[in-house]
């Protein structure tokens, strides 16, 4: 029971009892110290394959991202940071830190996400500009416009790299569909300062201390 101290919930000082919170998402501090950070924090980087769902469990019995992390789940309650849809591969972070998860997924903390997208057809400069103008800033966040570049053109397929400031549900696919492009393959390459480079498909590893320090620095101050 907290008898004294300055209590802050999601940046707002608590002045009366009865304030509602959401476990794992609400950030609570007392005199500047967080209450819900796990003692033994773990953050995993998973190279998610296609066909794996980004949930803790699945009512249809499909394999989940936690099935690929069994060596780390003993005695821990882990959950994915956001989601990649079942037909998208690439970098997914998994953690037991609710505060970190909240700050990594909230639009006010503008960690970029970078995706490699293969689309059917040849993409010209006009289409690239349309893609870049399509995203809109979220409330409380700076401009969320995308950065889009062509990586390679191969016959009737174009590979493009899309960098976003926030990750909404199926955002890259919806952007491409809106300009008449059909996505044939989608992979997330980076999340903030963390890259999937060197991690085989289906493999998982804990983030290194230097990677965690970079992430903590980026989300330590609200944008």
Protein backbone atom coordinates (compact mmCIF):
# COMPACT_ATOMS: atom_id res chain seq x y z
CA UNK A 1 0.00 0.00 0.00
CA UNK A 2 1.32 3.41 -0.99
CA UNK A 3 1.01 5.83 1.93
CA UNK A 4 2.94 8.79 0.59
CA UNK A 5 4.72 10.04 -2.45
CA UNK A 6 3.95 11.78 -5.71
CA UNK A 7 1.97 9.30 -7.85
CA UNK A 8 1.88 9.85 -11.62
CA UNK A 9 -0.18 7.76 -14.07
CA UNK A 10 0.69 8.13 -17.77
CA UNK A 11 2.24 11.53 -17.13
CA UNK A 12 -0.61 12.93 -15.01
CA UNK A 13 -0.41 13.49 -11.26
CA UNK A 14 -2.98 11.48 -9.29
CA UNK A 15 -4.94 13.78 -6.96
CA UNK A 16 -7.66 11.40 -5.76
CA UNK A 17 -8.20 7.63 -5.31
CA UNK A 18 -10.03 5.51 -7.89
CA UNK A 19 -7.77 6.20 -10.89
CA UNK A 20 -8.12 3.34 -13.37
CA UNK A 21 -5.07 1.67 -14.89
CA UNK A 22 -4.45 -1.03 -17.50
CA UNK A 23 -1.90 -3.68 -16.42
CA UNK A 24 1.04 -3.84 -18.78
CA UNK A 25 0.10 -0.59 -20.52
CA UNK A 26 -0.40 2.11 -17.91
CA UNK A 27 2.85 3.72 -16.75
CA UNK A 28 2.81 4.31 -12.99
CA UNK A 29 5.54 6.11 -11.05
CA UNK A 30 5.91 7.07 -7.40
CA UNK A 31 8.39 9.88 -6.78
CA UNK A 32 9.73 9.29 -10.27
CA UNK A 33 10.28 5.53 -9.88
CA UNK A 34 8.33 3.04 -11.98
CA UNK A 35 6.22 0.44 -10.22
CA UNK A 36 5.61 -2.09 -12.95
CA UNK A 37 9.05 -2.72 -14.41
CA UNK A 38 10.04 -6.39 -14.00
CA UNK A 39 13.08 -7.12 -11.88
CA UNK A 40 14.49 -9.51 -14.48
CA UNK A 41 13.63 -7.72 -17.69
CA UNK A 42 14.08 -9.60 -20.92
CA UNK A 43 13.66 -8.31 -24.47
CA UNK A 44 13.91 -10.79 -27.32
CA UNK A 45 14.37 -10.22 -31.04
CA UNK A 46 12.52 -12.78 -33.16
CA UNK A 47 12.79 -13.21 -36.93
CA UNK A 48 9.17 -14.20 -37.41
CA UNK A 49 8.37 -16.51 -40.31
CA UNK A 50 5.19 -16.32 -42.38
CA UNK A 51 2.43 -18.51 -40.93
CA UNK A 52 3.15 -17.68 -37.28
CA UNK A 53 0.61 -15.56 -35.38
CA UNK A 54 1.80 -12.68 -33.19
CA UNK A 55 -0.21 -13.57 -30.11
CA UNK A 56 0.36 -15.30 -26.79
CA UNK A 57 -2.15 -18.04 -27.70
CA UNK A 58 -4.40 -18.84 -30.64
CA UNK A 59 -7.95 -20.31 -30.42
CA UNK A 60 -7.48 -21.96 -33.81
CA UNK A 61 -4.41 -23.82 -32.63
CA UNK A 62 -2.01 -22.10 -35.00
CA UNK A 63 1.64 -21.75 -33.94
CA UNK A 64 2.40 -18.51 -32.10
CA UNK A 65 5.53 -16.42 -31.70
CA UNK A 66 5.89 -17.70 -28.14
CA UNK A 67 6.21 -21.25 -29.49
CA UNK A 68 9.49 -20.10 -31.06
CA UNK A 69 10.71 -18.68 -27.72
CA UNK A 70 10.13 -21.63 -25.39
CA UNK A 71 13.71 -21.59 -24.08
CA UNK A 72 13.04 -18.10 -22.66
CA UNK A 73 9.46 -18.48 -21.38
CA UNK A 74 10.11 -20.65 -18.32
CA UNK A 75 8.97 -18.70 -15.27
CA UNK A 76 8.23 -15.58 -17.34
CA UNK A 77 5.10 -14.03 -18.79
CA UNK A 78 6.21 -12.81 -22.21
CA UNK A 79 4.18 -10.97 -24.84
CA UNK A 80 4.89 -9.48 -28.28
CA UNK A 81 5.45 -5.75 -28.78
CA UNK A 82 2.72 -4.98 -31.29
CA UNK A 83 2.01 -7.44 -34.08
CA UNK A 84 3.03 -8.61 -37.50
CA UNK A 85 0.17 -10.20 -39.43
CA UNK A 86 0.36 -13.90 -40.27
CA UNK A 87 1.54 -13.24 -43.84
CA UNK A 88 4.31 -10.83 -42.79
CA UNK A 89 7.77 -11.93 -41.71
CA UNK A 90 10.55 -10.09 -39.98
CA UNK A 91 11.55 -8.38 -36.76
CA UNK A 92 9.28 -8.73 -33.76
CA UNK A 93 10.25 -7.79 -30.22
CA UNK A 94 9.01 -9.91 -27.32
CA UNK A 95 9.31 -8.85 -23.69
CA UNK A 96 8.05 -9.16 -20.12
CA UNK A 97 8.27 -5.38 -19.62
CA UNK A 98 4.82 -3.77 -19.84
CA UNK A 99 6.16 -0.22 -19.66
CA UNK A 100 8.61 -0.84 -22.48
CA UNK A 101 5.88 -2.43 -24.59
CA UNK A 102 3.59 0.56 -24.06
CA UNK A 103 6.24 3.12 -24.93
CA UNK A 104 7.42 1.21 -27.99
CA UNK A 105 3.90 1.01 -29.43
CA UNK A 106 2.50 4.43 -28.44
CA UNK A 107 2.65 6.98 -31.32
CA UNK A 108 4.07 9.75 -29.11
CA UNK A 109 7.35 7.81 -28.93
CA UNK A 110 8.38 7.93 -32.56
CA UNK A 111 10.54 4.87 -33.07
CA UNK A 112 10.66 4.12 -36.78
CA UNK A 113 9.77 0.82 -38.39
CA UNK A 114 11.42 -0.18 -41.65
CA UNK A 115 9.89 -2.70 -44.06
CA UNK A 116 11.11 -4.35 -47.25
CA UNK A 117 8.15 -4.75 -49.59
CA UNK A 118 7.91 -6.57 -52.89
CA UNK A 119 5.00 -5.42 -55.00
CA UNK A 120 3.62 -6.52 -58.35
CA UNK A 121 4.30 -3.98 -61.06
CA UNK A 122 6.77 -1.18 -61.75
CA UNK A 123 6.70 1.70 -59.27
CA UNK A 124 7.39 5.17 -60.64
CA UNK A 125 8.34 8.36 -58.78
CA UNK A 126 4.74 9.62 -58.78
CA UNK A 127 3.59 6.48 -56.95
CA UNK A 128 6.42 6.85 -54.43
CA UNK A 129 5.34 10.40 -53.63
CA UNK A 130 1.73 9.28 -53.20
CA UNK A 131 2.86 6.62 -50.73
CA UNK A 132 4.89 9.14 -48.76
CA UNK A 133 1.97 11.56 -48.48
CA UNK A 134 -0.55 8.91 -47.49
CA UNK A 135 0.14 8.56 -43.77
CA UNK A 136 -1.25 11.13 -41.35
CA UNK A 137 0.18 12.24 -38.01
CA UNK A 138 -1.43 10.77 -34.90
CA UNK A 139 -2.60 12.96 -32.05
CA UNK A 140 0.34 13.97 -29.90
CA UNK A 141 2.92 12.80 -32.46
CA UNK A 142 5.03 14.71 -34.99
CA UNK A 143 4.55 14.16 -38.71
CA UNK A 144 4.08 10.47 -39.43
CA UNK A 145 4.77 10.70 -43.15
CA UNK A 146 6.51 7.68 -44.62
CA UNK A 147 9.90 7.55 -46.27
CA UNK A 148 9.77 5.33 -49.37
CA UNK A 149 12.60 4.34 -51.71
CA UNK A 150 13.04 1.89 -54.56
CA UNK A 151 15.50 -0.91 -53.80
CA UNK A 152 15.36 -2.95 -57.01
CA UNK A 153 13.22 -3.55 -60.10
CA UNK A 154 13.08 -7.13 -61.40
CA UNK A 155 10.85 -7.73 -64.42
CA UNK A 156 7.31 -7.12 -63.14
CA UNK A 157 8.20 -6.91 -59.44
CA UNK A 158 9.54 -3.88 -57.58
CA UNK A 159 11.22 -4.02 -54.19
CA UNK A 160 10.68 -0.89 -52.10
CA UNK A 161 11.77 0.07 -48.58
CA UNK A 162 9.18 1.83 -46.42
CA UNK A 163 10.05 3.57 -43.15
CA UNK A 164 7.21 4.65 -40.85
CA UNK A 165 7.16 6.55 -37.57
CA UNK A 166 4.42 4.33 -36.17
CA UNK A 167 2.99 0.91 -36.91
CA UNK A 168 -0.76 0.71 -37.39
CA UNK A 169 -2.53 -2.54 -38.24
CA UNK A 170 -1.67 -3.65 -41.81
CA UNK A 171 -0.55 -0.10 -42.57
CA UNK A 172 2.01 -0.91 -45.27
CA UNK A 173 -0.37 -3.27 -47.05
CA UNK A 174 -3.18 -0.72 -46.94
CA UNK A 175 -0.89 2.01 -48.29
CA UNK A 176 0.15 -0.15 -51.23
CA UNK A 177 -3.41 -1.24 -51.99
CA UNK A 178 -4.55 2.40 -52.00
CA UNK A 179 -2.19 3.24 -54.87
CA UNK A 180 -2.94 0.08 -56.84
CA UNK A 181 0.06 -2.03 -55.80
CA UNK A 182 -0.34 -5.69 -54.84
CA UNK A 183 2.02 -6.82 -52.08
CA UNK A 184 3.64 -10.19 -52.81
CA UNK A 185 6.06 -10.19 -49.87
CA UNK A 186 6.49 -8.05 -46.76
CA UNK A 187 9.21 -8.18 -44.14
CA UNK A 188 10.04 -5.84 -41.27
CA UNK A 189 13.78 -5.19 -41.20
CA UNK A 190 14.19 -2.69 -38.36
CA UNK A 191 12.41 -1.43 -35.26
CA UNK A 192 14.00 1.77 -33.98
CA UNK A 193 17.75 1.16 -33.66
CA UNK A 194 17.40 -2.64 -33.76
CA UNK A 195 17.99 -4.58 -36.99
CA UNK A 196 17.17 -8.14 -37.98
CA UNK A 197 20.41 -8.43 -39.92
CA UNK A 198 22.27 -11.63 -39.09
CA UNK A 199 19.29 -13.33 -37.42
CA UNK A 200 18.12 -16.42 -39.39
CA UNK A 201 14.45 -16.90 -40.18
CA UNK A 202 12.70 -18.42 -37.16
CA UNK A 203 15.58 -17.67 -34.81
CA UNK A 204 15.38 -15.64 -31.59
CA UNK A 205 17.99 -13.92 -29.44
CA UNK A 206 18.01 -11.56 -26.45
CA UNK A 207 18.80 -7.95 -27.23
CA UNK A 208 22.32 -6.95 -26.32
CA UNK A 209 22.92 -4.36 -23.58
CA UNK A 210 23.98 -1.75 -26.12
CA UNK A 211 20.73 -2.26 -28.06
CA UNK A 212 18.63 -1.94 -24.91
CA UNK A 213 20.52 1.21 -23.93
CA UNK A 214 19.77 2.78 -27.33
CA UNK A 215 16.07 1.94 -27.04
CA UNK A 216 15.86 3.22 -23.45
CA UNK A 217 17.47 6.51 -24.48
CA UNK A 218 15.05 6.98 -27.36
CA UNK A 219 11.92 6.41 -25.25
CA UNK A 220 13.09 8.02 -22.03
CA UNK A 221 11.70 11.43 -23.03
CA UNK A 222 8.27 12.00 -24.54
CA UNK A 223 8.24 13.52 -28.03
